[in-house]
N, C-alpha and C. Protein backbone atom coordinates (compact mmCIF):
# COMPACT_ATOMS: atom_id res chain seq x y z
N MET A 1 -8.75 10.15 -6.75
CA MET A 1 -8.61 11.35 -7.51
C MET A 1 -7.25 11.30 -8.20
N ARG A 2 -7.22 11.67 -9.46
CA ARG A 2 -5.96 11.71 -10.21
C ARG A 2 -5.35 13.09 -10.02
N ILE A 3 -4.08 13.09 -9.57
CA ILE A 3 -3.37 14.33 -9.33
C ILE A 3 -2.13 14.34 -10.20
N THR A 4 -1.92 15.45 -10.91
CA THR A 4 -0.75 15.62 -11.76
C THR A 4 0.11 16.74 -11.21
N ASN A 5 1.40 16.45 -11.08
CA ASN A 5 2.36 17.44 -10.61
C ASN A 5 2.93 18.16 -11.82
N LYS A 6 2.61 19.45 -11.97
CA LYS A 6 3.08 20.25 -13.11
C LYS A 6 4.33 21.05 -12.76
N SER A 7 4.89 20.85 -11.56
CA SER A 7 6.07 21.61 -11.16
C SER A 7 7.34 20.85 -11.55
N ALA A 8 8.49 21.47 -11.29
CA ALA A 8 9.78 20.85 -11.61
C ALA A 8 10.36 20.09 -10.42
N ALA A 9 9.64 20.02 -9.33
CA ALA A 9 10.12 19.35 -8.12
C ALA A 9 9.08 18.35 -7.63
N PRO A 10 9.53 17.30 -6.92
CA PRO A 10 8.56 16.36 -6.33
C PRO A 10 7.67 17.10 -5.34
N GLN A 11 6.41 16.70 -5.29
CA GLN A 11 5.46 17.33 -4.37
C GLN A 11 4.79 16.25 -3.52
N GLY A 12 4.59 16.56 -2.24
CA GLY A 12 3.93 15.64 -1.33
C GLY A 12 2.50 16.08 -1.07
N VAL A 13 1.60 15.09 -1.00
CA VAL A 13 0.20 15.36 -0.66
C VAL A 13 -0.21 14.40 0.45
N HIS A 14 -1.15 14.84 1.28
CA HIS A 14 -1.60 14.03 2.41
C HIS A 14 -2.75 13.13 1.97
N THR A 15 -2.48 11.82 1.95
CA THR A 15 -3.49 10.84 1.59
C THR A 15 -4.03 10.18 2.85
N VAL A 16 -5.04 9.34 2.69
CA VAL A 16 -5.60 8.65 3.84
C VAL A 16 -4.61 7.66 4.45
N SER A 17 -3.59 7.26 3.71
CA SER A 17 -2.60 6.33 4.24
C SER A 17 -1.25 6.98 4.51
N GLY A 18 -1.20 8.32 4.51
CA GLY A 18 0.05 9.03 4.78
C GLY A 18 0.42 9.93 3.62
N VAL A 19 1.61 10.51 3.70
CA VAL A 19 2.06 11.42 2.66
C VAL A 19 2.52 10.61 1.44
N ALA A 20 2.08 11.03 0.26
CA ALA A 20 2.50 10.41 -0.99
C ALA A 20 3.18 11.48 -1.83
N PHE A 21 4.29 11.11 -2.45
CA PHE A 21 5.02 12.06 -3.28
C PHE A 21 4.72 11.81 -4.75
N ILE A 22 4.62 12.90 -5.48
CA ILE A 22 4.34 12.84 -6.91
C ILE A 22 5.53 13.49 -7.62
N LYS A 23 6.16 12.75 -8.51
CA LYS A 23 7.33 13.25 -9.24
C LYS A 23 6.90 14.31 -10.26
N PRO A 24 7.83 15.16 -10.69
CA PRO A 24 7.50 16.17 -11.69
C PRO A 24 6.94 15.53 -12.96
N GLY A 25 5.81 16.04 -13.42
CA GLY A 25 5.16 15.53 -14.62
C GLY A 25 4.38 14.25 -14.43
N GLN A 26 4.43 13.67 -13.26
CA GLN A 26 3.75 12.40 -12.97
C GLN A 26 2.31 12.63 -12.55
N SER A 27 1.45 11.69 -12.91
CA SER A 27 0.06 11.66 -12.45
C SER A 27 -0.12 10.42 -11.59
N ARG A 28 -0.82 10.57 -10.48
CA ARG A 28 -1.10 9.43 -9.60
C ARG A 28 -2.56 9.47 -9.17
N ASP A 29 -3.14 8.29 -9.01
CA ASP A 29 -4.48 8.16 -8.46
C ASP A 29 -4.34 7.98 -6.96
N LEU A 30 -4.81 8.96 -6.19
CA LEU A 30 -4.65 8.95 -4.74
C LEU A 30 -5.96 9.31 -4.07
N GLU A 31 -6.15 8.77 -2.87
CA GLU A 31 -7.31 9.12 -2.05
C GLU A 31 -6.83 10.05 -0.95
N LEU A 32 -7.19 11.33 -1.07
CA LEU A 32 -6.72 12.34 -0.14
C LEU A 32 -7.67 12.48 1.05
N THR A 33 -7.10 12.91 2.16
CA THR A 33 -7.94 13.29 3.30
C THR A 33 -8.63 14.59 2.93
N ASP A 34 -9.67 14.95 3.66
CA ASP A 34 -10.37 16.22 3.39
C ASP A 34 -9.41 17.40 3.55
N ALA A 35 -8.63 17.37 4.63
CA ALA A 35 -7.67 18.46 4.87
C ALA A 35 -6.59 18.46 3.80
N GLY A 36 -6.11 17.29 3.42
CA GLY A 36 -5.09 17.19 2.38
C GLY A 36 -5.57 17.72 1.05
N LEU A 37 -6.83 17.43 0.71
CA LEU A 37 -7.40 17.93 -0.54
C LEU A 37 -7.51 19.45 -0.51
N LYS A 38 -7.95 19.98 0.61
CA LYS A 38 -8.09 21.43 0.75
C LYS A 38 -6.74 22.11 0.58
N GLN A 39 -5.70 21.55 1.21
CA GLN A 39 -4.35 22.12 1.10
C GLN A 39 -3.82 21.99 -0.32
N ALA A 40 -3.98 20.83 -0.92
CA ALA A 40 -3.43 20.57 -2.25
C ALA A 40 -4.09 21.44 -3.31
N LYS A 41 -5.37 21.71 -3.17
CA LYS A 41 -6.08 22.52 -4.18
C LYS A 41 -5.62 23.97 -4.18
N ARG A 42 -4.93 24.40 -3.12
CA ARG A 42 -4.40 25.76 -3.08
C ARG A 42 -3.11 25.88 -3.90
N LEU A 43 -2.54 24.75 -4.31
CA LEU A 43 -1.27 24.76 -5.03
C LEU A 43 -1.53 24.76 -6.54
N SER A 44 -1.13 25.82 -7.21
CA SER A 44 -1.44 25.98 -8.63
C SER A 44 -0.72 24.97 -9.52
N PHE A 45 0.35 24.38 -9.04
CA PHE A 45 1.11 23.43 -9.86
C PHE A 45 0.60 22.01 -9.77
N LEU A 46 -0.48 21.77 -9.04
CA LEU A 46 -1.12 20.45 -9.00
C LEU A 46 -2.43 20.53 -9.77
N ALA A 47 -2.63 19.56 -10.66
CA ALA A 47 -3.88 19.49 -11.43
C ALA A 47 -4.67 18.29 -10.92
N PHE A 48 -5.99 18.44 -10.87
CA PHE A 48 -6.86 17.41 -10.31
C PHE A 48 -7.88 16.93 -11.34
N ALA A 49 -8.12 15.65 -11.32
CA ALA A 49 -9.17 15.06 -12.16
C ALA A 49 -9.72 13.86 -11.41
N ASP A 50 -11.01 13.62 -11.56
CA ASP A 50 -11.60 12.44 -10.93
C ASP A 50 -11.07 11.20 -11.62
N ALA A 51 -10.73 10.22 -10.85
CA ALA A 51 -10.27 8.93 -11.39
C ALA A 51 -11.09 7.85 -10.73
N PRO A 52 -11.47 6.83 -11.46
CA PRO A 52 -12.24 5.76 -10.85
C PRO A 52 -11.40 5.02 -9.82
N HIS A 53 -12.05 4.59 -8.78
CA HIS A 53 -11.38 3.78 -7.77
C HIS A 53 -11.00 2.46 -8.41
N PRO A 54 -9.77 1.97 -8.19
CA PRO A 54 -9.37 0.73 -8.86
C PRO A 54 -10.21 -0.49 -8.46
N LEU A 55 -10.91 -0.41 -7.35
CA LEU A 55 -11.74 -1.54 -6.92
C LEU A 55 -13.23 -1.26 -7.12
N ASP A 56 -13.56 -0.23 -7.90
CA ASP A 56 -14.95 0.10 -8.18
C ASP A 56 -15.42 -0.72 -9.37
N HIS A 57 -15.87 -1.94 -9.11
CA HIS A 57 -16.21 -2.87 -10.18
C HIS A 57 -17.54 -2.58 -10.86
N ASP A 58 -18.44 -1.91 -10.17
CA ASP A 58 -19.75 -1.66 -10.76
C ASP A 58 -19.96 -0.19 -11.13
N ALA A 59 -18.89 0.62 -11.07
CA ALA A 59 -18.90 2.02 -11.49
C ALA A 59 -19.92 2.87 -10.73
N ASP A 60 -20.10 2.58 -9.44
CA ASP A 60 -21.00 3.40 -8.64
C ASP A 60 -20.26 4.44 -7.82
N GLY A 61 -18.94 4.54 -8.01
CA GLY A 61 -18.15 5.53 -7.30
C GLY A 61 -17.61 5.05 -5.97
N LYS A 62 -17.90 3.81 -5.59
CA LYS A 62 -17.43 3.26 -4.32
C LYS A 62 -16.70 1.94 -4.60
N PRO A 63 -15.72 1.59 -3.76
CA PRO A 63 -15.05 0.31 -3.95
C PRO A 63 -16.01 -0.85 -3.78
N GLY A 64 -15.76 -1.92 -4.51
CA GLY A 64 -16.56 -3.13 -4.38
C GLY A 64 -17.64 -3.23 -5.43
N GLY A 65 -18.52 -4.15 -5.24
CA GLY A 65 -19.61 -4.35 -6.18
C GLY A 65 -19.21 -5.30 -7.30
N ALA A 66 -20.17 -5.80 -7.98
CA ALA A 66 -19.93 -6.73 -9.08
C ALA A 66 -19.99 -5.98 -10.40
N ALA A 67 -19.17 -6.39 -11.32
CA ALA A 67 -19.23 -5.80 -12.66
C ALA A 67 -20.57 -6.17 -13.28
N PRO A 68 -21.14 -5.31 -14.12
CA PRO A 68 -22.47 -5.56 -14.68
C PRO A 68 -22.59 -6.90 -15.41
N ASN A 69 -21.51 -7.41 -15.98
CA ASN A 69 -21.58 -8.65 -16.74
C ASN A 69 -21.21 -9.88 -15.92
N ASP A 70 -20.90 -9.69 -14.64
CA ASP A 70 -20.56 -10.83 -13.79
C ASP A 70 -21.80 -11.68 -13.56
N PRO A 71 -21.65 -13.00 -13.63
CA PRO A 71 -22.80 -13.85 -13.32
C PRO A 71 -23.14 -13.76 -11.83
N PRO A 72 -24.38 -14.04 -11.47
CA PRO A 72 -24.74 -13.98 -10.05
C PRO A 72 -23.92 -15.00 -9.25
N SER A 73 -23.58 -14.65 -8.04
CA SER A 73 -22.81 -15.55 -7.20
C SER A 73 -23.73 -16.65 -6.65
N GLU A 74 -23.12 -17.67 -6.10
CA GLU A 74 -23.89 -18.74 -5.47
C GLU A 74 -24.77 -18.15 -4.36
N ARG A 75 -24.22 -17.21 -3.60
CA ARG A 75 -24.97 -16.59 -2.51
C ARG A 75 -26.19 -15.85 -3.05
N ASP A 76 -26.02 -15.12 -4.17
CA ASP A 76 -27.15 -14.43 -4.78
C ASP A 76 -28.23 -15.42 -5.20
N ASP A 77 -27.79 -16.54 -5.77
CA ASP A 77 -28.75 -17.58 -6.18
C ASP A 77 -29.48 -18.16 -4.97
N LEU A 78 -28.74 -18.39 -3.88
CA LEU A 78 -29.37 -18.93 -2.67
C LEU A 78 -30.37 -17.95 -2.07
N LYS A 79 -30.03 -16.68 -2.06
CA LYS A 79 -30.96 -15.66 -1.54
C LYS A 79 -32.24 -15.63 -2.36
N LYS A 80 -32.09 -15.71 -3.67
CA LYS A 80 -33.26 -15.70 -4.55
C LYS A 80 -34.12 -16.93 -4.30
N GLN A 81 -33.46 -18.08 -4.18
CA GLN A 81 -34.20 -19.32 -3.93
C GLN A 81 -34.91 -19.27 -2.57
N ALA A 82 -34.23 -18.75 -1.55
CA ALA A 82 -34.84 -18.65 -0.23
C ALA A 82 -36.07 -17.74 -0.27
N ALA A 83 -35.96 -16.64 -0.99
CA ALA A 83 -37.10 -15.72 -1.11
C ALA A 83 -38.27 -16.40 -1.80
N GLU A 84 -37.99 -17.17 -2.84
CA GLU A 84 -39.05 -17.88 -3.56
C GLU A 84 -39.72 -18.94 -2.69
N LEU A 85 -38.95 -19.51 -1.75
CA LEU A 85 -39.50 -20.52 -0.84
C LEU A 85 -40.14 -19.90 0.40
N GLY A 86 -40.06 -18.58 0.53
CA GLY A 86 -40.65 -17.91 1.68
C GLY A 86 -39.83 -18.05 2.95
N ILE A 87 -38.55 -18.30 2.82
CA ILE A 87 -37.67 -18.45 3.98
C ILE A 87 -37.17 -17.08 4.39
N GLU A 88 -37.37 -16.74 5.67
CA GLU A 88 -36.84 -15.48 6.19
C GLU A 88 -35.49 -15.77 6.83
N PHE A 89 -34.54 -14.87 6.59
CA PHE A 89 -33.19 -15.06 7.12
C PHE A 89 -32.54 -13.70 7.32
N PRO A 90 -31.62 -13.60 8.29
CA PRO A 90 -30.91 -12.33 8.49
C PRO A 90 -29.97 -12.05 7.31
N LYS A 91 -29.74 -10.78 7.03
CA LYS A 91 -28.90 -10.40 5.90
C LYS A 91 -27.46 -10.89 6.05
N ASN A 92 -27.00 -11.04 7.29
CA ASN A 92 -25.61 -11.44 7.50
C ASN A 92 -25.46 -12.95 7.74
N ILE A 93 -26.44 -13.75 7.34
CA ILE A 93 -26.37 -15.19 7.52
C ILE A 93 -25.22 -15.75 6.67
N ALA A 94 -24.54 -16.74 7.21
CA ALA A 94 -23.47 -17.39 6.47
C ALA A 94 -24.06 -18.17 5.30
N THR A 95 -23.33 -18.24 4.21
CA THR A 95 -23.81 -18.91 3.00
C THR A 95 -24.14 -20.37 3.28
N ASP A 96 -23.30 -21.06 4.04
CA ASP A 96 -23.58 -22.47 4.32
C ASP A 96 -24.83 -22.65 5.17
N LYS A 97 -25.11 -21.71 6.08
CA LYS A 97 -26.32 -21.79 6.89
C LYS A 97 -27.56 -21.51 6.03
N LEU A 98 -27.43 -20.58 5.09
CA LEU A 98 -28.54 -20.30 4.18
C LEU A 98 -28.83 -21.53 3.32
N ARG A 99 -27.78 -22.16 2.84
CA ARG A 99 -27.93 -23.38 2.05
C ARG A 99 -28.63 -24.46 2.88
N ALA A 100 -28.26 -24.59 4.17
CA ALA A 100 -28.88 -25.59 5.05
C ALA A 100 -30.37 -25.30 5.27
N LEU A 101 -30.73 -24.01 5.42
CA LEU A 101 -32.14 -23.65 5.57
C LEU A 101 -32.95 -24.05 4.33
N ILE A 102 -32.38 -23.81 3.16
CA ILE A 102 -33.06 -24.17 1.92
C ILE A 102 -33.20 -25.67 1.81
N ASP A 103 -32.12 -26.39 2.11
CA ASP A 103 -32.17 -27.87 2.04
C ASP A 103 -33.21 -28.41 3.00
N ALA A 104 -33.30 -27.86 4.21
CA ALA A 104 -34.28 -28.31 5.19
C ALA A 104 -35.70 -28.03 4.71
N LYS A 105 -35.92 -26.89 4.10
CA LYS A 105 -37.25 -26.54 3.58
C LYS A 105 -37.65 -27.48 2.45
N LEU A 106 -36.69 -27.78 1.57
CA LEU A 106 -36.98 -28.69 0.46
C LEU A 106 -37.20 -30.13 0.91
N ALA A 107 -36.54 -30.51 2.00
CA ALA A 107 -36.68 -31.87 2.50
C ALA A 107 -38.01 -32.07 3.24
N ALA A 108 -38.59 -30.98 3.71
CA ALA A 108 -39.84 -31.07 4.50
C ALA A 108 -41.03 -31.36 3.62
């Protein structure tokens, strides 16, 4: 969340990683705790706006994910190939083990 300090003094807000100070006139992108957000919203000199998470690569509102134009990863390609070959595997299988399963299926 983007928070702007409209007061003439530095202001502290409670974030998930501790207290963060915002200088007068400064805007910062911070992740507040629920209690910190509730307290901060009571202060008229703080302005709030949604800001994208810096690690939200696919714009789904959560950190992580691939950007829409990113090419598929090797792991994605292996999963697709395994599905086409009818290989069942756990979702948390290591990439090298998945590759070995595919190689074994192709060698058979």
